[in-house]
Amino acid sequence: MRKYSCWCRACSQVRGRGPGNSTVSRGTYLDVPNCARIKLTVWREDHSSFTVTKAAGIEERKKRVAEMIAKELTKAKPGAWGCVQTREMWSTDEQVHLRPGHHCLFEFSDGGEGSSCEKLFSLLQRRTGLVYKGTRFYNGDRALRVKRWLHRVDEDAAGLTFEEWDPIKDADDSQTPVPMIINSSELRGAGFNLQEVIPPALEAAARSE
């Protein structure tokens, strides 16, 4: 931390402690040589304390995620909308929309008996899981059927505007086919409704016809 802010060239190049990071150590202080301020900008190292609670840790997080998924699975029904965590981008164009907790929106399809679950996997003896229709599943996972995907449009840098993905227009032979199933372990929300908003230009054109 530092008492005064400065965004001169020297301060903007600070990356940490030491000459290689544009600072000079002076005990618990870091001086920034060539700072444009009359009084050199000084960084001060501070030590904060923290407490580890019983709810902390990877295993506890796994439990919380499992509980959340179990709750959302009850809403995974044909016609409902859901969001899934995405660990890989579908294309480099998606980079502009990449955010922490990046997700995609989709509509659930019919997996039979009023559910979107196509298959439940019981793989107690298979630690490596099983690849089903291009997606890997582990014991207890469910294959949820997808009716259609929504894509963020390039024009909205905020990533809040979506359009339906067209498998004919938006894909070619050089691309890996987009799976129409998801692993239930990636499900992060289900059962909500989406409202379609027509762009003003298209709405005006429709009224003029």
N, C-alpha and C. Protein backbone atom coordinates (compact mmCIF):
# COMPACT_ATOMS: atom_id res chain seq x y z
N MET A 1 0.84 -1.18 0.00
CA MET A 1 0.00 0.00 0.00
C MET A 1 0.88 1.24 0.00
N ARG A 2 0.29 2.36 -0.38
CA ARG A 2 1.04 3.60 -0.37
C ARG A 2 0.10 4.76 -0.04
N LYS A 3 0.66 5.82 0.50
CA LYS A 3 -0.14 6.94 0.96
C LYS A 3 -0.68 7.76 -0.20
N TYR A 4 0.14 7.93 -1.26
CA TYR A 4 -0.27 8.74 -2.39
C TYR A 4 -0.31 7.88 -3.65
N SER A 5 -1.25 8.16 -4.52
CA SER A 5 -1.33 7.47 -5.81
C SER A 5 -0.53 8.23 -6.86
N CYS A 6 0.09 7.49 -7.73
CA CYS A 6 0.83 8.11 -8.82
C CYS A 6 0.82 7.15 -10.00
N TRP A 7 0.54 7.70 -11.18
CA TRP A 7 0.48 6.85 -12.37
C TRP A 7 1.49 7.29 -13.42
N CYS A 8 2.62 7.80 -12.95
CA CYS A 8 3.68 8.15 -13.90
C CYS A 8 4.26 6.87 -14.50
N ARG A 9 5.13 7.00 -15.47
CA ARG A 9 5.69 5.84 -16.16
C ARG A 9 6.41 4.91 -15.20
N ALA A 10 7.21 5.47 -14.25
CA ALA A 10 7.96 4.64 -13.32
C ALA A 10 7.03 3.84 -12.41
N CYS A 11 6.00 4.50 -11.87
CA CYS A 11 5.07 3.82 -10.96
C CYS A 11 4.22 2.78 -11.69
N SER A 12 3.91 3.05 -12.95
CA SER A 12 3.10 2.10 -13.72
C SER A 12 3.85 0.82 -14.03
N GLN A 13 5.19 0.85 -13.90
CA GLN A 13 5.99 -0.33 -14.20
C GLN A 13 6.28 -1.17 -12.96
N VAL A 14 5.79 -0.74 -11.80
CA VAL A 14 6.04 -1.48 -10.56
C VAL A 14 5.32 -2.82 -10.59
N ARG A 15 6.05 -3.90 -10.34
CA ARG A 15 5.48 -5.24 -10.33
C ARG A 15 5.75 -5.98 -9.03
N GLY A 16 6.60 -5.44 -8.17
CA GLY A 16 6.91 -6.14 -6.93
C GLY A 16 8.20 -5.64 -6.32
N ARG A 17 8.83 -6.48 -5.51
CA ARG A 17 10.04 -6.09 -4.79
C ARG A 17 11.29 -6.37 -5.62
N GLY A 18 12.20 -5.39 -5.64
CA GLY A 18 13.47 -5.59 -6.31
C GLY A 18 13.63 -4.79 -7.58
N PRO A 19 14.87 -4.55 -8.00
CA PRO A 19 15.16 -3.76 -9.21
C PRO A 19 14.47 -4.32 -10.45
N GLY A 20 14.37 -5.64 -10.53
CA GLY A 20 13.71 -6.24 -11.68
C GLY A 20 12.24 -5.91 -11.76
N ASN A 21 11.67 -5.45 -10.66
CA ASN A 21 10.26 -5.08 -10.61
C ASN A 21 10.08 -3.58 -10.42
N SER A 22 11.15 -2.83 -10.72
CA SER A 22 11.13 -1.35 -10.70
C SER A 22 11.03 -0.75 -9.31
N THR A 23 11.50 -1.46 -8.28
CA THR A 23 11.51 -0.90 -6.92
C THR A 23 12.85 -1.17 -6.24
N VAL A 24 13.12 -0.42 -5.18
CA VAL A 24 14.32 -0.61 -4.38
C VAL A 24 13.89 -0.83 -2.94
N SER A 25 14.34 -1.94 -2.34
CA SER A 25 13.93 -2.27 -0.98
C SER A 25 14.62 -1.38 0.05
N ARG A 26 13.82 -0.99 1.06
CA ARG A 26 14.34 -0.22 2.19
C ARG A 26 13.58 -0.67 3.43
N GLY A 27 13.98 -1.86 3.94
CA GLY A 27 13.25 -2.44 5.07
C GLY A 27 11.87 -2.89 4.63
N THR A 28 10.83 -2.39 5.32
CA THR A 28 9.47 -2.72 4.93
C THR A 28 8.92 -1.77 3.87
N TYR A 29 9.79 -0.89 3.35
CA TYR A 29 9.36 0.08 2.35
C TYR A 29 9.95 -0.25 0.99
N LEU A 30 9.25 0.16 -0.04
CA LEU A 30 9.72 0.01 -1.42
C LEU A 30 9.72 1.39 -2.06
N ASP A 31 10.89 1.86 -2.44
CA ASP A 31 11.02 3.13 -3.13
C ASP A 31 10.90 2.91 -4.63
N VAL A 32 10.34 3.89 -5.32
CA VAL A 32 10.21 3.83 -6.77
C VAL A 32 11.12 4.88 -7.39
N PRO A 33 12.31 4.48 -7.84
CA PRO A 33 13.24 5.43 -8.46
C PRO A 33 12.59 6.08 -9.69
N ASN A 34 12.92 7.33 -9.93
CA ASN A 34 12.46 8.06 -11.11
C ASN A 34 10.96 8.38 -11.09
N CYS A 35 10.37 8.29 -9.90
CA CYS A 35 8.95 8.68 -9.79
C CYS A 35 8.83 10.17 -10.13
N ALA A 36 7.79 10.55 -10.85
CA ALA A 36 7.62 11.91 -11.33
C ALA A 36 7.18 12.88 -10.23
N ARG A 37 6.76 12.33 -9.08
CA ARG A 37 6.34 13.21 -7.99
C ARG A 37 7.57 13.88 -7.36
N ILE A 38 7.36 15.06 -6.78
CA ILE A 38 8.47 15.77 -6.12
C ILE A 38 9.00 14.92 -4.98
N LYS A 39 8.06 14.30 -4.22
CA LYS A 39 8.46 13.38 -3.16
C LYS A 39 8.26 11.98 -3.69
N LEU A 40 9.32 11.19 -3.71
CA LEU A 40 9.25 9.86 -4.29
C LEU A 40 8.11 9.04 -3.68
N THR A 41 7.37 8.34 -4.55
CA THR A 41 6.31 7.46 -4.08
C THR A 41 6.92 6.28 -3.33
N VAL A 42 6.38 5.99 -2.16
CA VAL A 42 6.88 4.89 -1.33
C VAL A 42 5.76 3.89 -1.06
N TRP A 43 6.06 2.62 -1.30
CA TRP A 43 5.14 1.54 -0.97
C TRP A 43 5.53 0.99 0.40
N ARG A 44 4.52 0.66 1.21
CA ARG A 44 4.78 0.10 2.54
C ARG A 44 4.15 -1.28 2.63
N GLU A 45 4.95 -2.23 3.11
CA GLU A 45 4.45 -3.59 3.26
C GLU A 45 3.67 -3.72 4.55
N ASP A 46 2.50 -4.31 4.48
CA ASP A 46 1.66 -4.47 5.67
C ASP A 46 1.32 -5.94 5.82
N HIS A 47 1.22 -6.39 7.05
CA HIS A 47 0.91 -7.81 7.32
C HIS A 47 -0.48 -7.89 7.93
N SER A 48 -1.38 -8.57 7.24
CA SER A 48 -2.74 -8.74 7.73
C SER A 48 -2.91 -10.16 8.25
N SER A 49 -3.82 -10.31 9.18
CA SER A 49 -4.10 -11.64 9.73
C SER A 49 -5.43 -12.14 9.20
N PHE A 50 -5.57 -13.44 9.12
CA PHE A 50 -6.82 -14.02 8.66
C PHE A 50 -7.09 -15.28 9.45
N THR A 51 -8.34 -15.69 9.50
CA THR A 51 -8.77 -16.86 10.27
C THR A 51 -9.35 -17.89 9.32
N VAL A 52 -8.90 -19.12 9.45
CA VAL A 52 -9.42 -20.21 8.64
C VAL A 52 -10.62 -20.81 9.35
N THR A 53 -11.78 -20.78 8.71
CA THR A 53 -13.00 -21.31 9.32
C THR A 53 -13.22 -22.76 8.90
N LYS A 54 -14.17 -23.40 9.52
CA LYS A 54 -14.47 -24.80 9.20
C LYS A 54 -15.02 -24.94 7.78
N ALA A 55 -15.61 -23.85 7.26
CA ALA A 55 -16.20 -23.90 5.92
C ALA A 55 -15.18 -23.65 4.82
N ALA A 56 -13.92 -23.45 5.19
CA ALA A 56 -12.89 -23.17 4.20
C ALA A 56 -12.30 -24.47 3.66
N GLY A 57 -11.61 -24.37 2.55
CA GLY A 57 -10.92 -25.54 2.00
C GLY A 57 -11.61 -26.10 0.78
N ILE A 58 -10.83 -26.87 0.00
CA ILE A 58 -11.32 -27.43 -1.25
C ILE A 58 -12.45 -28.43 -1.02
N GLU A 59 -12.31 -29.28 -0.01
CA GLU A 59 -13.33 -30.30 0.23
C GLU A 59 -14.67 -29.69 0.62
N GLU A 60 -14.62 -28.62 1.42
CA GLU A 60 -15.86 -27.95 1.81
C GLU A 60 -16.50 -27.29 0.60
N ARG A 61 -15.66 -26.73 -0.28
CA ARG A 61 -16.21 -26.12 -1.49
C ARG A 61 -16.89 -27.16 -2.36
N LYS A 62 -16.29 -28.35 -2.46
CA LYS A 62 -16.90 -29.43 -3.24
C LYS A 62 -18.27 -29.78 -2.68
N LYS A 63 -18.39 -29.79 -1.36
CA LYS A 63 -19.68 -30.10 -0.74
C LYS A 63 -20.71 -29.03 -1.08
N ARG A 64 -20.30 -27.76 -1.01
CA ARG A 64 -21.24 -26.68 -1.30
C ARG A 64 -21.70 -26.73 -2.76
N VAL A 65 -20.75 -27.01 -3.67
CA VAL A 65 -21.11 -27.10 -5.09
C VAL A 65 -22.05 -28.27 -5.33
N ALA A 66 -21.78 -29.41 -4.69
CA ALA A 66 -22.64 -30.59 -4.85
C ALA A 66 -24.05 -30.30 -4.36
N GLU A 67 -24.18 -29.60 -3.25
CA GLU A 67 -25.50 -29.24 -2.72
C GLU A 67 -26.23 -28.30 -3.67
N MET A 68 -25.50 -27.34 -4.24
CA MET A 68 -26.10 -26.40 -5.17
C MET A 68 -26.59 -27.10 -6.43
N ILE A 69 -25.76 -28.03 -6.97
CA ILE A 69 -26.13 -28.74 -8.18
C ILE A 69 -27.36 -29.61 -7.94
N ALA A 70 -27.41 -30.29 -6.79
CA ALA A 70 -28.56 -31.13 -6.46
C ALA A 70 -29.84 -30.31 -6.44
N LYS A 71 -29.75 -29.10 -5.94
CA LYS A 71 -30.92 -28.21 -5.89
C LYS A 71 -31.33 -27.77 -7.28
N GLU A 72 -30.36 -27.42 -8.13
CA GLU A 72 -30.68 -26.94 -9.46
C GLU A 72 -31.18 -28.06 -10.37
N LEU A 73 -30.75 -29.30 -10.13
CA LEU A 73 -31.18 -30.42 -10.97
C LEU A 73 -32.69 -30.64 -10.91
N THR A 74 -33.31 -30.27 -9.81
CA THR A 74 -34.76 -30.44 -9.69
C THR A 74 -35.51 -29.51 -10.65
N LYS A 75 -34.82 -28.48 -11.15
CA LYS A 75 -35.45 -27.52 -12.07
C LYS A 75 -35.06 -27.79 -13.53
N ALA A 76 -34.24 -28.80 -13.76
CA ALA A 76 -33.76 -29.10 -15.11
C ALA A 76 -34.82 -29.86 -15.88
N LYS A 77 -35.76 -29.12 -16.45
CA LYS A 77 -36.88 -29.73 -17.16
C LYS A 77 -37.00 -29.13 -18.55
N PRO A 78 -37.58 -29.87 -19.50
CA PRO A 78 -37.71 -29.37 -20.87
C PRO A 78 -38.38 -28.00 -20.91
N GLY A 79 -37.80 -27.09 -21.70
CA GLY A 79 -38.36 -25.76 -21.85
C GLY A 79 -37.78 -24.74 -20.89
N ALA A 80 -37.16 -25.20 -19.81
CA ALA A 80 -36.55 -24.29 -18.85
C ALA A 80 -35.17 -23.88 -19.36
N TRP A 81 -34.66 -22.80 -18.81
CA TRP A 81 -33.33 -22.32 -19.20
C TRP A 81 -32.33 -22.61 -18.10
N GLY A 82 -31.08 -22.77 -18.49
CA GLY A 82 -30.03 -23.04 -17.52
C GLY A 82 -28.74 -22.36 -17.93
N CYS A 83 -27.79 -22.31 -17.01
CA CYS A 83 -26.46 -21.79 -17.34
C CYS A 83 -25.44 -22.81 -16.87
N VAL A 84 -24.39 -22.94 -17.64
CA VAL A 84 -23.36 -23.94 -17.38
C VAL A 84 -22.01 -23.26 -17.34
N GLN A 85 -21.17 -23.69 -16.41
CA GLN A 85 -19.82 -23.16 -16.31
C GLN A 85 -19.03 -23.63 -17.53
N THR A 86 -18.26 -22.71 -18.12
CA THR A 86 -17.46 -23.08 -19.28
C THR A 86 -15.98 -22.95 -18.96
N ARG A 87 -15.25 -24.00 -19.20
CA ARG A 87 -13.81 -24.03 -18.92
C ARG A 87 -12.98 -23.79 -20.17
N GLU A 88 -13.60 -23.88 -21.33
CA GLU A 88 -12.90 -23.63 -22.59
C GLU A 88 -13.76 -22.73 -23.47
N MET A 89 -13.11 -21.84 -24.20
CA MET A 89 -13.84 -20.98 -25.12
C MET A 89 -14.13 -21.74 -26.41
N TRP A 90 -15.25 -21.41 -27.02
CA TRP A 90 -15.61 -22.05 -28.28
C TRP A 90 -14.82 -21.46 -29.43
N SER A 91 -14.38 -20.20 -29.30
CA SER A 91 -13.60 -19.56 -30.34
C SER A 91 -12.81 -18.42 -29.73
N THR A 92 -11.82 -17.92 -30.47
CA THR A 92 -11.02 -16.80 -29.96
C THR A 92 -11.86 -15.53 -29.87
N ASP A 93 -12.94 -15.43 -30.63
CA ASP A 93 -13.82 -14.26 -30.56
C ASP A 93 -14.45 -14.11 -29.19
N GLU A 94 -14.53 -15.20 -28.45
CA GLU A 94 -15.16 -15.18 -27.13
C GLU A 94 -14.27 -14.55 -26.07
N GLN A 95 -12.99 -14.32 -26.42
CA GLN A 95 -12.03 -13.79 -25.45
C GLN A 95 -12.50 -12.46 -24.86
N VAL A 96 -13.15 -11.63 -25.66
CA VAL A 96 -13.58 -10.32 -25.20
C VAL A 96 -14.64 -10.43 -24.10
N HIS A 97 -15.34 -11.56 -24.04
CA HIS A 97 -16.39 -11.73 -23.06
C HIS A 97 -15.96 -12.58 -21.86
N LEU A 98 -14.70 -12.98 -21.84
CA LEU A 98 -14.23 -13.87 -20.79
C LEU A 98 -14.23 -13.15 -19.44
N ARG A 99 -14.89 -13.72 -18.45
CA ARG A 99 -14.99 -13.16 -17.12
C ARG A 99 -14.78 -14.29 -16.10
N PRO A 100 -14.46 -13.94 -14.84
CA PRO A 100 -14.42 -14.97 -13.79
C PRO A 100 -15.80 -15.63 -13.68
N GLY A 101 -15.82 -16.95 -13.62
CA GLY A 101 -17.09 -17.65 -13.56
C GLY A 101 -17.80 -17.66 -14.90
N HIS A 102 -17.03 -17.64 -15.99
CA HIS A 102 -17.59 -17.58 -17.34
C HIS A 102 -18.62 -18.69 -17.54
N HIS A 103 -19.76 -18.36 -18.16
CA HIS A 103 -20.82 -19.35 -18.34
C HIS A 103 -21.51 -19.16 -19.68
N CYS A 104 -22.26 -20.17 -20.08
CA CYS A 104 -23.07 -20.12 -21.29
C CYS A 104 -24.52 -20.40 -20.92
N LEU A 105 -25.45 -19.87 -21.71
CA LEU A 105 -26.87 -20.08 -21.49
C LEU A 105 -27.41 -21.09 -22.49
N PHE A 106 -28.38 -21.86 -22.07
CA PHE A 106 -28.98 -22.86 -22.95
C PHE A 106 -30.39 -23.18 -22.50
N GLU A 107 -31.15 -23.82 -23.39
CA GLU A 107 -32.49 -24.29 -23.07
C GLU A 107 -32.46 -25.80 -22.93
N PHE A 108 -33.07 -26.32 -21.88
CA PHE A 108 -33.11 -27.76 -21.66
C PHE A 108 -34.02 -28.43 -22.68
N SER A 109 -33.61 -29.61 -23.11
CA SER A 109 -34.42 -30.43 -24.01
C SER A 109 -35.04 -31.58 -23.22
N ASP A 110 -35.79 -32.42 -23.92
CA ASP A 110 -36.51 -33.52 -23.27
C ASP A 110 -35.64 -34.77 -23.25
N GLY A 111 -35.34 -35.24 -22.05
CA GLY A 111 -34.57 -36.46 -21.90
C GLY A 111 -35.43 -37.66 -21.57
N GLY A 112 -36.76 -37.43 -21.48
CA GLY A 112 -37.68 -38.51 -21.17
C GLY A 112 -38.27 -38.39 -19.77
N GLU A 113 -39.54 -38.77 -19.65
CA GLU A 113 -40.25 -38.79 -18.37
C GLU A 113 -40.28 -37.40 -17.72
N GLY A 114 -40.40 -36.36 -18.54
CA GLY A 114 -40.52 -35.02 -18.02
C GLY A 114 -39.25 -34.44 -17.45
N SER A 115 -38.14 -35.08 -17.72
CA SER A 115 -36.84 -34.62 -17.23
C SER A 115 -35.91 -34.37 -18.41
N SER A 116 -34.86 -33.61 -18.17
CA SER A 116 -33.85 -33.38 -19.21
C SER A 116 -32.65 -34.30 -19.04
N CYS A 117 -32.72 -35.20 -18.08
CA CYS A 117 -31.62 -36.14 -17.84
C CYS A 117 -31.68 -37.29 -18.84
N GLU A 118 -30.65 -37.40 -19.65
CA GLU A 118 -30.58 -38.45 -20.67
C GLU A 118 -29.95 -39.72 -20.12
N LYS A 119 -29.00 -39.55 -19.19
CA LYS A 119 -28.30 -40.73 -18.67
C LYS A 119 -27.66 -40.42 -17.33
N LEU A 120 -27.76 -41.35 -16.39
CA LEU A 120 -27.10 -41.26 -15.09
C LEU A 120 -25.95 -42.25 -15.10
N PHE A 121 -24.77 -41.80 -14.65
CA PHE A 121 -23.58 -42.64 -14.72
C PHE A 121 -23.22 -43.22 -13.35
N SER A 122 -23.11 -44.54 -13.31
CA SER A 122 -22.67 -45.25 -12.11
C SER A 122 -21.34 -45.92 -12.44
N LEU A 123 -20.25 -45.30 -12.03
CA LEU A 123 -18.91 -45.75 -12.42
C LEU A 123 -18.02 -45.91 -11.20
N LEU A 124 -18.43 -46.68 -10.24
CA LEU A 124 -17.70 -46.81 -8.98
C LEU A 124 -16.29 -47.32 -9.17
N GLN A 125 -16.05 -48.13 -10.20
CA GLN A 125 -14.73 -48.73 -10.39
C GLN A 125 -13.91 -48.04 -11.48
N ARG A 126 -14.38 -46.90 -11.98
CA ARG A 126 -13.68 -46.24 -13.09
C ARG A 126 -13.29 -44.83 -12.68
N ARG A 127 -12.07 -44.67 -12.19
CA ARG A 127 -11.60 -43.37 -11.73
C ARG A 127 -11.37 -42.39 -12.87
N THR A 128 -11.13 -42.93 -14.07
CA THR A 128 -10.86 -42.06 -15.21
C THR A 128 -12.15 -41.56 -15.85
N GLY A 129 -13.28 -42.04 -15.39
CA GLY A 129 -14.54 -41.61 -15.95
C GLY A 129 -14.84 -42.28 -17.28
N LEU A 130 -15.86 -41.78 -17.96
CA LEU A 130 -16.29 -42.36 -19.23
C LEU A 130 -16.65 -41.23 -20.19
N VAL A 131 -16.15 -41.32 -21.42
CA VAL A 131 -16.48 -40.32 -22.43
C VAL A 131 -17.76 -40.74 -23.14
N TYR A 132 -18.75 -39.87 -23.06
CA TYR A 132 -20.05 -40.16 -23.66
C TYR A 132 -20.44 -38.98 -24.55
N LYS A 133 -20.57 -39.23 -25.85
CA LYS A 133 -20.91 -38.19 -26.83
C LYS A 133 -19.96 -37.00 -26.75
N GLY A 134 -18.68 -37.30 -26.56
CA GLY A 134 -17.66 -36.26 -26.55
C GLY A 134 -17.46 -35.56 -25.22
N THR A 135 -18.20 -35.93 -24.19
CA THR A 135 -18.09 -35.30 -22.87
C THR A 135 -17.73 -36.36 -21.83
N ARG A 136 -16.81 -36.02 -20.92
CA ARG A 136 -16.38 -36.99 -19.90
C ARG A 136 -17.28 -36.89 -18.68
N PHE A 137 -17.68 -38.05 -18.18
CA PHE A 137 -18.54 -38.14 -17.00
C PHE A 137 -17.89 -39.04 -15.95
N TYR A 138 -18.20 -38.73 -14.69
CA TYR A 138 -17.71 -39.54 -13.57
C TYR A 138 -18.91 -40.08 -12.79
N ASN A 139 -18.62 -40.90 -11.80
CA ASN A 139 -19.68 -41.53 -11.02
C ASN A 139 -20.63 -40.48 -10.43
N GLY A 140 -21.91 -40.68 -10.65
CA GLY A 140 -22.91 -39.78 -10.11
C GLY A 140 -23.29 -38.63 -11.03
N ASP A 141 -22.50 -38.41 -12.09
CA ASP A 141 -22.82 -37.34 -13.04
C ASP A 141 -24.01 -37.71 -13.90
N ARG A 142 -24.68 -36.69 -14.42
CA ARG A 142 -25.82 -36.89 -15.32
C ARG A 142 -25.56 -36.18 -16.64
N ALA A 143 -25.99 -36.81 -17.72
CA ALA A 143 -25.93 -36.16 -19.03
C ALA A 143 -27.26 -35.45 -19.23
N LEU A 144 -27.21 -34.12 -19.30
CA LEU A 144 -28.42 -33.32 -19.47
C LEU A 144 -28.53 -32.88 -20.93
N ARG A 145 -29.69 -33.08 -21.51
CA ARG A 145 -29.88 -32.80 -22.93
C ARG A 145 -30.17 -31.32 -23.15
N VAL A 146 -29.53 -30.77 -24.19
CA VAL A 146 -29.67 -29.35 -24.54
C VAL A 146 -30.47 -29.21 -25.84
N LYS A 147 -31.46 -28.31 -25.84
CA LYS A 147 -32.25 -28.05 -27.04
C LYS A 147 -31.58 -27.00 -27.91
N ARG A 148 -31.10 -25.91 -27.30
CA ARG A 148 -30.42 -24.86 -28.05
C ARG A 148 -29.52 -24.05 -27.14
N TRP A 149 -28.46 -23.53 -27.73
CA TRP A 149 -27.48 -22.70 -27.02
C TRP A 149 -27.69 -21.24 -27.40
N LEU A 150 -27.31 -20.35 -26.49
CA LEU A 150 -27.28 -18.93 -26.79
C LEU A 150 -25.84 -18.46 -26.77
N HIS A 151 -25.50 -17.57 -27.70
CA HIS A 151 -24.16 -17.01 -27.78
C HIS A 151 -24.20 -15.52 -27.48
N ARG A 152 -23.15 -15.01 -26.85
CA ARG A 152 -23.02 -13.56 -26.68
C ARG A 152 -22.67 -12.93 -28.02
N VAL A 153 -23.27 -11.79 -28.31
CA VAL A 153 -22.99 -11.12 -29.58
C VAL A 153 -21.72 -10.29 -29.44
N ASP A 154 -20.95 -10.20 -30.51
CA ASP A 154 -19.67 -9.49 -30.48
C ASP A 154 -19.85 -8.00 -30.22
N GLU A 155 -20.99 -7.44 -30.64
CA GLU A 155 -21.19 -5.99 -30.53
C GLU A 155 -21.33 -5.52 -29.10
N ASP A 156 -21.70 -6.40 -28.18
CA ASP A 156 -21.89 -6.02 -26.77
C ASP A 156 -20.70 -6.50 -25.97
N ALA A 157 -19.75 -5.58 -25.71
CA ALA A 157 -18.53 -5.95 -24.98
C ALA A 157 -18.83 -6.37 -23.55
N ALA A 158 -20.00 -5.96 -23.01
CA ALA A 158 -20.36 -6.33 -21.64
C ALA A 158 -20.79 -7.80 -21.56
N GLY A 159 -21.05 -8.42 -22.70
CA GLY A 159 -21.43 -9.82 -22.71
C GLY A 159 -22.81 -10.09 -22.15
N LEU A 160 -23.72 -9.12 -22.26
CA LEU A 160 -25.06 -9.27 -21.69
C LEU A 160 -26.14 -9.45 -22.76
N THR A 161 -25.73 -9.44 -24.03
CA THR A 161 -26.68 -9.63 -25.12
C THR A 161 -26.41 -10.96 -25.79
N PHE A 162 -27.46 -11.77 -25.94
CA PHE A 162 -27.30 -13.12 -26.47
C PHE A 162 -28.16 -13.30 -27.72
N GLU A 163 -27.74 -14.25 -28.55
CA GLU A 163 -28.54 -14.66 -29.68
C GLU A 163 -28.43 -16.18 -29.81
N GLU A 164 -29.41 -16.77 -30.45
CA GLU A 164 -29.42 -18.23 -30.58
C GLU A 164 -28.30 -18.68 -31.51
N TRP A 165 -27.59 -19.73 -31.10
CA TRP A 165 -26.52 -20.29 -31.91
C TRP A 165 -27.13 -21.13 -33.02
N ASP A 166 -26.72 -20.85 -34.24
CA ASP A 166 -27.21 -21.56 -35.41
C ASP A 166 -26.16 -22.57 -35.86
N PRO A 167 -26.41 -23.87 -35.72
CA PRO A 167 -25.39 -24.88 -36.07
C PRO A 167 -25.04 -24.89 -37.55
N ILE A 168 -25.90 -24.32 -38.41
CA ILE A 168 -25.62 -24.30 -39.84
C ILE A 168 -24.80 -23.06 -40.20
N LYS A 169 -25.22 -21.90 -39.69
CA LYS A 169 -24.56 -20.64 -40.03
C LYS A 169 -23.28 -20.42 -39.24
N ASP A 170 -23.26 -20.86 -37.97
CA ASP A 170 -22.16 -20.52 -37.06
C ASP A 170 -21.10 -21.60 -36.94
N ALA A 171 -21.14 -22.63 -37.76
CA ALA A 171 -20.15 -23.71 -37.66
C ALA A 171 -19.76 -24.17 -39.06
N ASP A 172 -18.58 -24.78 -39.14
CA ASP A 172 -18.13 -25.38 -40.40
C ASP A 172 -17.39 -26.66 -40.11
N ASP A 173 -16.91 -27.32 -41.15
CA ASP A 173 -16.28 -28.63 -41.00
C ASP A 173 -14.98 -28.57 -40.21
N SER A 174 -14.37 -27.38 -40.10
CA SER A 174 -13.10 -27.26 -39.39
C SER A 174 -13.29 -27.18 -37.88
N GLN A 175 -14.52 -27.00 -37.42
CA GLN A 175 -14.80 -26.86 -36.01
C GLN A 175 -15.34 -28.16 -35.42
N THR A 176 -15.04 -28.37 -34.14
CA THR A 176 -15.59 -29.53 -33.45
C THR A 176 -17.07 -29.32 -33.21
N PRO A 177 -17.91 -30.30 -33.54
CA PRO A 177 -19.35 -30.14 -33.34
C PRO A 177 -19.67 -29.77 -31.89
N VAL A 178 -20.56 -28.81 -31.72
CA VAL A 178 -20.95 -28.38 -30.38
C VAL A 178 -21.84 -29.45 -29.75
N PRO A 179 -21.49 -29.96 -28.58
CA PRO A 179 -22.30 -31.01 -27.95
C PRO A 179 -23.66 -30.49 -27.52
N MET A 180 -24.67 -31.30 -27.70
CA MET A 180 -26.01 -30.92 -27.27
C MET A 180 -26.37 -31.61 -25.96
N ILE A 181 -25.34 -31.91 -25.18
CA ILE A 181 -25.51 -32.40 -23.82
C ILE A 181 -24.50 -31.67 -22.94
N ILE A 182 -24.75 -31.62 -21.66
CA ILE A 182 -23.80 -31.06 -20.70
C ILE A 182 -23.65 -32.03 -19.54
N ASN A 183 -22.53 -31.92 -18.84
CA ASN A 183 -22.32 -32.68 -17.62
C ASN A 183 -22.97 -31.93 -16.47
N SER A 184 -23.78 -32.60 -15.69
CA SER A 184 -24.50 -31.94 -14.59
C SER A 184 -23.55 -31.30 -13.59
N SER A 185 -22.29 -31.74 -13.54
CA SER A 185 -21.33 -31.17 -12.59
C SER A 185 -20.99 -29.73 -12.95
N GLU A 186 -21.27 -29.31 -14.20
CA GLU A 186 -20.99 -27.95 -14.64
C GLU A 186 -22.22 -27.04 -14.53
N LEU A 187 -23.34 -27.60 -14.14
CA LEU A 187 -24.57 -26.81 -14.04
C LEU A 187 -24.46 -25.81 -12.90
N ARG A 188 -24.79 -24.55 -13.19
CA ARG A 188 -24.70 -23.49 -12.17
C ARG A 188 -26.03 -22.76 -11.96
N GLY A 189 -27.04 -23.11 -12.72
CA GLY A 189 -28.33 -22.48 -12.54
C GLY A 189 -29.35 -23.12 -13.46
N ALA A 190 -30.61 -23.19 -13.05
CA ALA A 190 -31.64 -23.81 -13.87
C ALA A 190 -33.02 -23.31 -13.44
N GLY A 191 -33.97 -23.44 -14.37
CA GLY A 191 -35.35 -23.13 -14.03
C GLY A 191 -35.76 -21.69 -14.19
N PHE A 192 -34.90 -20.84 -14.72
CA PHE A 192 -35.28 -19.44 -14.88
C PHE A 192 -35.79 -19.21 -16.30
N ASN A 193 -36.49 -18.11 -16.48
CA ASN A 193 -37.04 -17.75 -17.78
C ASN A 193 -36.28 -16.58 -18.37
N LEU A 194 -36.19 -16.54 -19.69
CA LEU A 194 -35.55 -15.44 -20.39
C LEU A 194 -36.59 -14.69 -21.20
N GLN A 195 -36.45 -13.37 -21.25
CA GLN A 195 -37.33 -12.54 -22.04
C GLN A 195 -36.62 -12.09 -23.31
N GLU A 196 -37.22 -12.36 -24.45
CA GLU A 196 -36.60 -11.96 -25.71
C GLU A 196 -36.84 -10.48 -25.95
N VAL A 197 -35.78 -9.75 -26.20
CA VAL A 197 -35.86 -8.32 -26.48
C VAL A 197 -35.42 -8.10 -27.93
N ILE A 198 -36.31 -7.55 -28.74
CA ILE A 198 -36.01 -7.32 -30.15
C ILE A 198 -35.26 -6.00 -30.29
N PRO A 199 -34.12 -6.00 -31.00
CA PRO A 199 -33.38 -4.74 -31.23
C PRO A 199 -34.29 -3.69 -31.83
N PRO A 200 -34.17 -2.43 -31.41
CA PRO A 200 -35.04 -1.36 -31.90
C PRO A 200 -35.10 -1.28 -33.42
N ALA A 201 -33.97 -1.47 -34.10
CA ALA A 201 -33.95 -1.38 -35.56
C ALA A 201 -34.84 -2.44 -36.20
N LEU A 202 -34.80 -3.66 -35.67
CA LEU A 202 -35.63 -4.73 -36.21
C LEU A 202 -37.09 -4.51 -35.87
N GLU A 203 -37.36 -4.00 -34.69
CA GLU A 203 -38.73 -3.74 -34.28
C GLU A 203 -39.37 -2.67 -35.16
N ALA A 204 -38.59 -1.62 -35.49
CA ALA A 204 -39.09 -0.57 -36.35
C ALA A 204 -39.35 -1.08 -37.76
N ALA A 205 -38.47 -1.97 -38.24
CA ALA A 205 -38.64 -2.54 -39.57
C ALA A 205 -39.88 -3.41 -39.64
N ALA A 206 -40.16 -4.13 -38.54
CA ALA A 206 -41.34 -4.98 -38.51
C ALA A 206 -42.62 -4.16 -38.53
N ARG A 207 -42.61 -3.01 -37.88
CA ARG A 207 -43.81 -2.17 -37.84
C ARG A 207 -44.08 -1.53 -39.19
N SER A 208 -43.01 -1.29 -39.98
CA SER A 208 -43.16 -0.62 -41.26
C SER A 208 -43.66 -1.54 -42.37
N GLU A 209 -43.59 -2.85 -42.14
CA GLU A 209 -44.03 -3.80 -43.15
C GLU A 209 -45.54 -3.93 -43.18
